[in-house]
Each structure stands twice: as C-alpha cells, then as structure tokens.
Amino acid sequence: MRKWFGSSGVCINENGELLMVLQGKPEEDKTWSVPSGGLEENESFEECCVREIKEETGYVAEVVDEIKVKKGIYEKINISFEVHYFFVKIIGGDRKIQDPDNLIYDIAWKNIEQLKELSLSFPEDRNFLINCK
C-alpha cells in the first residue's frame, strides 16, 4: 500500500469566515476545501502547509498551532494517508490563484452557514471545520 502525507491550513478571518479553495481536475465536479496538499521531499508538515497556502491562494501564512492529524485508508486506490491540520494566520500576500497543478478554480472566505451547504472535497471534515474557532 502506498502512503501519502500532506498538510492543510485552517485560516479564520476577523469575520469568522474560513479561507477555502474550489478545486478539482478538469473532468471532475469542483468541490471546496481548505488549502492543502502533499508533502514534498525534505519538507516539514508546517512548511508544506505554508507552501500550499501560498500556491493555492497567493497569501503568505504563518503556522499558529497544529490542531488535528487525520489518518485513514482509501481502499479503492490502495493508499493510506496522514494529513496534518494547522491553524494559520495570514501575514502577507494577495489573493491570487497560482497553483502549479492547475486544480484551483476559486478562492473565497466562507461563513458557517455556507459551510453547512457547500460541496466539500472531504465531507468528513465538515463538522470539524464548522467548529473551528
């Protein structure tokens, strides 16, 4: 079984809204997620989180705290995964899609009511994201 490691950034603004990206491959339905992606060689989980936020949103972020580690297995594709979630704060940059994978279609701040209705890339994260404050 292949192993995949990644990081996700949870950023909440002064209005209580969560930074999210609309993503998907060209042939897929597009879904919402917090900025996230896979660990690169010799990169820490924190560095991965900051890099992915920059690539996917244009914002420069700083890790505040690790809040969760999600582990599991996608049996259909024979991959185990481990994703580290971090609270982050934006310290610079500007909203801009610059994803090298060309999988990001929009960047938006979503409130709790919107989070309840959005089509999420990882629906199992919905309650966790709604309760992050």
N, C-alpha and C. Protein backbone atom coordinates (compact mmCIF):
# COMPACT_ATOMS: atom_id res chain seq x y z
N MET A 1 0.84 -1.18 0.00
CA MET A 1 0.00 0.00 0.00
C MET A 1 0.89 1.25 0.00
N ARG A 2 0.56 2.19 -0.88
CA ARG A 2 1.29 3.45 -0.94
C ARG A 2 0.87 4.35 0.22
N LYS A 3 1.79 5.19 0.69
CA LYS A 3 1.49 6.13 1.77
C LYS A 3 1.57 7.55 1.23
N TRP A 4 0.62 8.40 1.65
CA TRP A 4 0.58 9.80 1.23
C TRP A 4 0.53 10.66 2.48
N PHE A 5 1.36 11.71 2.50
CA PHE A 5 1.40 12.63 3.63
C PHE A 5 1.13 14.04 3.13
N GLY A 6 0.36 14.81 3.91
CA GLY A 6 0.06 16.17 3.49
C GLY A 6 -0.30 17.06 4.66
N SER A 7 -0.57 18.32 4.31
CA SER A 7 -0.93 19.34 5.30
C SER A 7 -2.09 20.17 4.80
N SER A 8 -2.85 20.71 5.77
CA SER A 8 -3.97 21.59 5.47
C SER A 8 -3.90 22.81 6.37
N GLY A 9 -4.27 23.97 5.81
CA GLY A 9 -4.25 25.21 6.58
C GLY A 9 -5.66 25.69 6.88
N VAL A 10 -5.94 25.89 8.16
CA VAL A 10 -7.24 26.40 8.60
C VAL A 10 -7.03 27.86 9.01
N CYS A 11 -7.59 28.77 8.20
CA CYS A 11 -7.43 30.20 8.45
C CYS A 11 -8.80 30.83 8.60
N ILE A 12 -9.03 31.46 9.74
CA ILE A 12 -10.31 32.13 10.01
C ILE A 12 -10.05 33.62 10.14
N ASN A 13 -10.80 34.42 9.37
CA ASN A 13 -10.60 35.87 9.40
C ASN A 13 -11.37 36.52 10.55
N GLU A 14 -11.25 37.85 10.63
CA GLU A 14 -11.88 38.60 11.73
C GLU A 14 -13.41 38.54 11.69
N ASN A 15 -13.99 38.11 10.57
CA ASN A 15 -15.45 37.96 10.46
C ASN A 15 -15.91 36.54 10.75
N GLY A 16 -14.98 35.68 11.17
CA GLY A 16 -15.34 34.30 11.47
C GLY A 16 -15.49 33.44 10.23
N GLU A 17 -14.94 33.89 9.10
CA GLU A 17 -15.04 33.14 7.85
C GLU A 17 -13.78 32.32 7.62
N LEU A 18 -13.96 31.19 6.96
CA LEU A 18 -12.89 30.23 6.71
C LEU A 18 -12.38 30.38 5.28
N LEU A 19 -11.05 30.44 5.12
CA LEU A 19 -10.44 30.51 3.80
C LEU A 19 -10.55 29.16 3.11
N MET A 20 -11.15 29.16 1.90
CA MET A 20 -11.37 27.91 1.18
C MET A 20 -11.04 28.09 -0.29
N VAL A 21 -10.77 26.96 -0.94
CA VAL A 21 -10.49 26.95 -2.37
C VAL A 21 -11.44 25.97 -3.07
N LEU A 22 -11.85 26.34 -4.27
CA LEU A 22 -12.66 25.47 -5.12
C LEU A 22 -11.68 24.72 -6.01
N GLN A 23 -11.74 23.40 -5.98
CA GLN A 23 -10.72 22.61 -6.67
C GLN A 23 -11.30 21.40 -7.38
N GLY A 24 -10.47 20.84 -8.24
CA GLY A 24 -10.82 19.60 -8.92
C GLY A 24 -10.08 19.48 -10.23
N LYS A 25 -9.97 18.27 -10.71
CA LYS A 25 -9.39 18.04 -12.02
C LYS A 25 -10.39 18.52 -13.07
N PRO A 26 -9.93 18.85 -14.29
CA PRO A 26 -10.85 19.39 -15.30
C PRO A 26 -12.10 18.55 -15.54
N GLU A 27 -11.96 17.23 -15.48
CA GLU A 27 -13.10 16.35 -15.77
C GLU A 27 -13.99 16.09 -14.55
N GLU A 28 -13.59 16.58 -13.38
CA GLU A 28 -14.33 16.32 -12.13
C GLU A 28 -15.28 17.47 -11.79
N ASP A 29 -16.29 17.16 -10.96
CA ASP A 29 -17.09 18.21 -10.34
C ASP A 29 -16.15 18.95 -9.38
N LYS A 30 -16.31 20.25 -9.30
CA LYS A 30 -15.44 21.06 -8.42
C LYS A 30 -16.03 21.08 -7.01
N THR A 31 -15.14 20.95 -6.02
CA THR A 31 -15.55 20.93 -4.62
C THR A 31 -14.66 21.86 -3.81
N TRP A 32 -15.12 22.20 -2.60
CA TRP A 32 -14.42 23.15 -1.74
C TRP A 32 -13.58 22.43 -0.69
N SER A 33 -12.47 23.05 -0.35
CA SER A 33 -11.55 22.51 0.67
C SER A 33 -10.77 23.66 1.27
N VAL A 34 -10.22 23.42 2.46
CA VAL A 34 -9.21 24.36 2.96
C VAL A 34 -7.95 24.12 2.12
N PRO A 35 -7.10 25.13 1.97
CA PRO A 35 -5.87 24.92 1.19
C PRO A 35 -5.06 23.76 1.77
N SER A 36 -4.64 22.87 0.88
CA SER A 36 -3.93 21.67 1.34
C SER A 36 -3.19 21.03 0.19
N GLY A 37 -2.29 20.12 0.54
CA GLY A 37 -1.57 19.39 -0.48
C GLY A 37 -0.53 18.47 0.11
N GLY A 38 0.19 17.83 -0.79
CA GLY A 38 1.12 16.79 -0.40
C GLY A 38 2.50 17.30 0.00
N LEU A 39 3.07 16.57 0.93
CA LEU A 39 4.40 16.84 1.46
C LEU A 39 5.45 16.59 0.37
N GLU A 40 6.38 17.53 0.22
CA GLU A 40 7.48 17.35 -0.71
C GLU A 40 8.71 16.85 0.04
N GLU A 41 9.68 16.33 -0.70
CA GLU A 41 10.88 15.76 -0.09
C GLU A 41 11.59 16.79 0.80
N ASN A 42 12.00 16.34 1.98
CA ASN A 42 12.73 17.17 2.96
C ASN A 42 11.93 18.37 3.47
N GLU A 43 10.62 18.29 3.42
CA GLU A 43 9.75 19.38 3.85
C GLU A 43 9.03 18.96 5.13
N SER A 44 8.92 19.87 6.09
CA SER A 44 8.14 19.57 7.30
C SER A 44 6.65 19.76 6.99
N PHE A 45 5.82 19.24 7.86
CA PHE A 45 4.37 19.43 7.67
C PHE A 45 4.01 20.91 7.72
N GLU A 46 4.67 21.67 8.59
CA GLU A 46 4.42 23.11 8.69
C GLU A 46 4.82 23.83 7.41
N GLU A 47 5.99 23.48 6.88
CA GLU A 47 6.46 24.09 5.62
C GLU A 47 5.52 23.75 4.47
N CYS A 48 5.04 22.54 4.43
CA CYS A 48 4.09 22.12 3.40
C CYS A 48 2.82 22.96 3.48
N CYS A 49 2.32 23.16 4.68
CA CYS A 49 1.10 23.94 4.88
C CYS A 49 1.28 25.37 4.34
N VAL A 50 2.36 26.02 4.72
CA VAL A 50 2.62 27.40 4.30
C VAL A 50 2.79 27.47 2.77
N ARG A 51 3.51 26.51 2.20
CA ARG A 51 3.72 26.49 0.74
C ARG A 51 2.41 26.30 -0.01
N GLU A 52 1.59 25.35 0.45
CA GLU A 52 0.33 25.09 -0.23
C GLU A 52 -0.61 26.30 -0.18
N ILE A 53 -0.65 26.99 0.94
CA ILE A 53 -1.49 28.18 1.04
C ILE A 53 -1.02 29.23 0.04
N LYS A 54 0.30 29.44 -0.05
CA LYS A 54 0.87 30.41 -0.99
C LYS A 54 0.53 30.01 -2.43
N GLU A 55 0.73 28.73 -2.77
CA GLU A 55 0.46 28.27 -4.13
C GLU A 55 -1.01 28.38 -4.51
N GLU A 56 -1.88 28.01 -3.58
CA GLU A 56 -3.29 27.92 -3.91
C GLU A 56 -4.05 29.24 -3.76
N THR A 57 -3.54 30.15 -2.90
CA THR A 57 -4.31 31.37 -2.63
C THR A 57 -3.53 32.67 -2.87
N GLY A 58 -2.22 32.61 -2.91
CA GLY A 58 -1.41 33.82 -3.01
C GLY A 58 -1.07 34.44 -1.67
N TYR A 59 -1.72 33.99 -0.61
CA TYR A 59 -1.46 34.55 0.71
C TYR A 59 -0.22 33.93 1.34
N VAL A 60 0.48 34.73 2.12
CA VAL A 60 1.59 34.24 2.93
C VAL A 60 1.03 33.96 4.32
N ALA A 61 1.23 32.76 4.80
CA ALA A 61 0.66 32.36 6.09
C ALA A 61 1.75 32.00 7.08
N GLU A 62 1.37 32.04 8.33
CA GLU A 62 2.25 31.63 9.42
C GLU A 62 1.49 30.61 10.25
N VAL A 63 2.14 29.49 10.55
CA VAL A 63 1.51 28.46 11.36
C VAL A 63 1.42 28.94 12.81
N VAL A 64 0.22 28.82 13.38
CA VAL A 64 -0.01 29.18 14.78
C VAL A 64 0.05 27.95 15.66
N ASP A 65 -0.62 26.87 15.23
CA ASP A 65 -0.70 25.67 16.06
C ASP A 65 -1.19 24.49 15.23
N GLU A 66 -0.74 23.28 15.57
CA GLU A 66 -1.30 22.08 14.94
C GLU A 66 -2.58 21.73 15.69
N ILE A 67 -3.65 21.45 14.93
CA ILE A 67 -4.93 21.21 15.59
C ILE A 67 -5.48 19.81 15.40
N LYS A 68 -4.97 19.08 14.42
CA LYS A 68 -5.55 17.77 14.17
C LYS A 68 -4.65 16.99 13.22
N VAL A 69 -4.62 15.68 13.38
CA VAL A 69 -3.99 14.79 12.40
C VAL A 69 -5.06 13.78 12.00
N LYS A 70 -5.30 13.71 10.69
CA LYS A 70 -6.30 12.77 10.17
C LYS A 70 -5.56 11.66 9.44
N LYS A 71 -5.86 10.41 9.81
CA LYS A 71 -5.25 9.26 9.17
C LYS A 71 -6.35 8.36 8.64
N GLY A 72 -6.06 7.67 7.56
CA GLY A 72 -7.05 6.75 7.02
C GLY A 72 -6.50 6.00 5.83
N ILE A 73 -7.41 5.26 5.20
CA ILE A 73 -7.05 4.46 4.03
C ILE A 73 -8.13 4.65 2.97
N TYR A 74 -7.68 4.91 1.75
CA TYR A 74 -8.58 4.89 0.59
C TYR A 74 -8.38 3.54 -0.07
N GLU A 75 -9.23 2.60 0.29
CA GLU A 75 -9.07 1.22 -0.17
C GLU A 75 -9.18 1.09 -1.68
N LYS A 76 -10.06 1.89 -2.31
CA LYS A 76 -10.26 1.79 -3.76
C LYS A 76 -8.97 2.01 -4.53
N ILE A 77 -8.11 2.90 -4.01
CA ILE A 77 -6.87 3.21 -4.73
C ILE A 77 -5.63 2.74 -3.97
N ASN A 78 -5.84 1.97 -2.90
CA ASN A 78 -4.75 1.33 -2.15
C ASN A 78 -3.73 2.34 -1.62
N ILE A 79 -4.24 3.41 -0.98
CA ILE A 79 -3.38 4.44 -0.41
C ILE A 79 -3.78 4.70 1.04
N SER A 80 -2.78 4.76 1.92
CA SER A 80 -3.03 5.23 3.27
C SER A 80 -2.61 6.70 3.30
N PHE A 81 -3.27 7.50 4.15
CA PHE A 81 -2.95 8.92 4.20
C PHE A 81 -2.82 9.41 5.63
N GLU A 82 -2.06 10.48 5.75
CA GLU A 82 -1.90 11.18 7.02
C GLU A 82 -1.84 12.68 6.68
N VAL A 83 -2.83 13.43 7.18
CA VAL A 83 -2.91 14.86 6.90
C VAL A 83 -2.86 15.62 8.21
N HIS A 84 -1.95 16.59 8.30
CA HIS A 84 -1.82 17.44 9.48
C HIS A 84 -2.53 18.76 9.22
N TYR A 85 -3.43 19.12 10.11
CA TYR A 85 -4.19 20.37 10.01
C TYR A 85 -3.59 21.39 10.97
N PHE A 86 -3.37 22.61 10.45
CA PHE A 86 -2.79 23.68 11.26
C PHE A 86 -3.68 24.91 11.24
N PHE A 87 -3.81 25.57 12.42
CA PHE A 87 -4.35 26.91 12.44
C PHE A 87 -3.27 27.81 11.89
N VAL A 88 -3.63 28.70 10.97
CA VAL A 88 -2.66 29.64 10.41
C VAL A 88 -3.25 31.04 10.43
N LYS A 89 -2.36 32.03 10.34
CA LYS A 89 -2.82 33.40 10.16
C LYS A 89 -2.14 33.96 8.93
N ILE A 90 -2.86 34.81 8.21
CA ILE A 90 -2.32 35.44 7.01
C ILE A 90 -1.44 36.61 7.45
N ILE A 91 -0.20 36.63 6.93
CA ILE A 91 0.72 37.71 7.31
C ILE A 91 1.15 38.53 6.11
N GLY A 92 0.65 38.18 4.92
CA GLY A 92 1.03 38.94 3.72
C GLY A 92 0.45 38.31 2.47
N GLY A 93 0.90 38.84 1.34
CA GLY A 93 0.45 38.32 0.05
C GLY A 93 -0.88 38.90 -0.37
N ASP A 94 -1.32 38.51 -1.54
CA ASP A 94 -2.59 38.95 -2.11
C ASP A 94 -3.32 37.75 -2.70
N ARG A 95 -4.65 37.82 -2.67
CA ARG A 95 -5.48 36.75 -3.21
C ARG A 95 -5.16 36.55 -4.68
N LYS A 96 -4.60 35.37 -5.00
CA LYS A 96 -4.21 35.09 -6.38
C LYS A 96 -4.04 33.59 -6.55
N ILE A 97 -4.70 33.04 -7.54
CA ILE A 97 -4.53 31.62 -7.87
C ILE A 97 -3.22 31.48 -8.63
N GLN A 98 -2.31 30.68 -8.08
CA GLN A 98 -1.04 30.43 -8.78
C GLN A 98 -0.64 28.97 -8.60
N ASP A 99 -1.65 28.12 -8.55
CA ASP A 99 -1.45 26.68 -8.32
C ASP A 99 -0.71 26.04 -9.48
N PRO A 100 0.47 25.45 -9.22
CA PRO A 100 1.22 24.81 -10.31
C PRO A 100 0.52 23.59 -10.89
N ASP A 101 -0.41 23.00 -10.14
CA ASP A 101 -1.14 21.83 -10.62
C ASP A 101 -2.38 22.20 -11.42
N ASN A 102 -2.72 23.49 -11.47
CA ASN A 102 -3.91 23.97 -12.19
C ASN A 102 -5.20 23.27 -11.76
N LEU A 103 -5.34 23.07 -10.44
CA LEU A 103 -6.53 22.41 -9.90
C LEU A 103 -7.43 23.37 -9.13
N ILE A 104 -7.01 24.63 -8.96
CA ILE A 104 -7.76 25.60 -8.17
C ILE A 104 -8.54 26.52 -9.11
N TYR A 105 -9.84 26.69 -8.80
CA TYR A 105 -10.72 27.49 -9.66
C TYR A 105 -11.24 28.75 -8.99
N ASP A 106 -11.22 28.79 -7.66
CA ASP A 106 -11.70 29.97 -6.94
C ASP A 106 -11.12 29.96 -5.54
N ILE A 107 -11.06 31.15 -4.94
CA ILE A 107 -10.62 31.34 -3.57
C ILE A 107 -11.69 32.18 -2.91
N ALA A 108 -12.17 31.77 -1.74
CA ALA A 108 -13.23 32.55 -1.08
C ALA A 108 -13.20 32.33 0.43
N TRP A 109 -13.75 33.32 1.13
CA TRP A 109 -13.96 33.22 2.57
C TRP A 109 -15.40 32.78 2.77
N LYS A 110 -15.60 31.66 3.48
CA LYS A 110 -16.94 31.09 3.66
C LYS A 110 -17.34 31.14 5.13
N ASN A 111 -18.62 31.55 5.38
CA ASN A 111 -19.10 31.59 6.76
C ASN A 111 -19.69 30.24 7.15
N ILE A 112 -20.07 30.11 8.41
CA ILE A 112 -20.56 28.83 8.93
C ILE A 112 -21.80 28.35 8.18
N GLU A 113 -22.72 29.25 7.88
CA GLU A 113 -23.94 28.84 7.16
C GLU A 113 -23.58 28.29 5.78
N GLN A 114 -22.63 28.91 5.11
CA GLN A 114 -22.20 28.41 3.80
C GLN A 114 -21.51 27.06 3.94
N LEU A 115 -20.70 26.90 4.99
CA LEU A 115 -20.01 25.63 5.21
C LEU A 115 -20.98 24.46 5.35
N LYS A 116 -22.13 24.73 5.90
CA LYS A 116 -23.13 23.68 6.10
C LYS A 116 -23.66 23.15 4.78
N GLU A 117 -23.61 23.97 3.72
CA GLU A 117 -24.22 23.63 2.43
C GLU A 117 -23.23 23.29 1.32
N LEU A 118 -21.98 23.69 1.48
CA LEU A 118 -21.01 23.52 0.39
C LEU A 118 -20.75 22.05 0.06
N SER A 119 -20.45 21.83 -1.22
CA SER A 119 -19.99 20.52 -1.65
C SER A 119 -18.50 20.47 -1.32
N LEU A 120 -18.14 19.65 -0.33
CA LEU A 120 -16.76 19.60 0.16
C LEU A 120 -15.97 18.47 -0.48
N SER A 121 -14.69 18.72 -0.68
CA SER A 121 -13.79 17.67 -1.18
C SER A 121 -13.69 16.53 -0.18
N PHE A 122 -13.73 16.89 1.11
CA PHE A 122 -13.64 15.90 2.19
C PHE A 122 -14.82 16.12 3.13
N PRO A 123 -15.99 15.56 2.80
CA PRO A 123 -17.20 15.79 3.60
C PRO A 123 -17.04 15.42 5.07
N GLU A 124 -16.13 14.50 5.37
CA GLU A 124 -15.91 14.09 6.75
C GLU A 124 -15.32 15.23 7.58
N ASP A 125 -14.82 16.28 6.94
CA ASP A 125 -14.25 17.43 7.66
C ASP A 125 -15.28 18.50 8.02
N ARG A 126 -16.50 18.38 7.52
CA ARG A 126 -17.50 19.45 7.67
C ARG A 126 -17.69 19.87 9.14
N ASN A 127 -17.99 18.95 10.03
CA ASN A 127 -18.25 19.31 11.44
C ASN A 127 -17.01 19.90 12.10
N PHE A 128 -15.85 19.31 11.81
CA PHE A 128 -14.59 19.82 12.33
C PHE A 128 -14.39 21.27 11.90
N LEU A 129 -14.59 21.57 10.61
CA LEU A 129 -14.38 22.93 10.11
C LEU A 129 -15.41 23.90 10.66
N ILE A 130 -16.65 23.48 10.79
CA ILE A 130 -17.70 24.34 11.36
C ILE A 130 -17.37 24.71 12.80
N ASN A 131 -16.77 23.78 13.53
CA ASN A 131 -16.50 24.01 14.95
C ASN A 131 -15.12 24.61 15.23
N CYS A 132 -14.36 24.89 14.18
CA CYS A 132 -13.03 25.53 14.38
C CYS A 132 -13.23 27.02 14.63
N LYS A 133 -12.90 27.46 15.79
CA LYS A 133 -12.95 28.91 16.08
C LYS A 133 -12.04 29.22 17.21
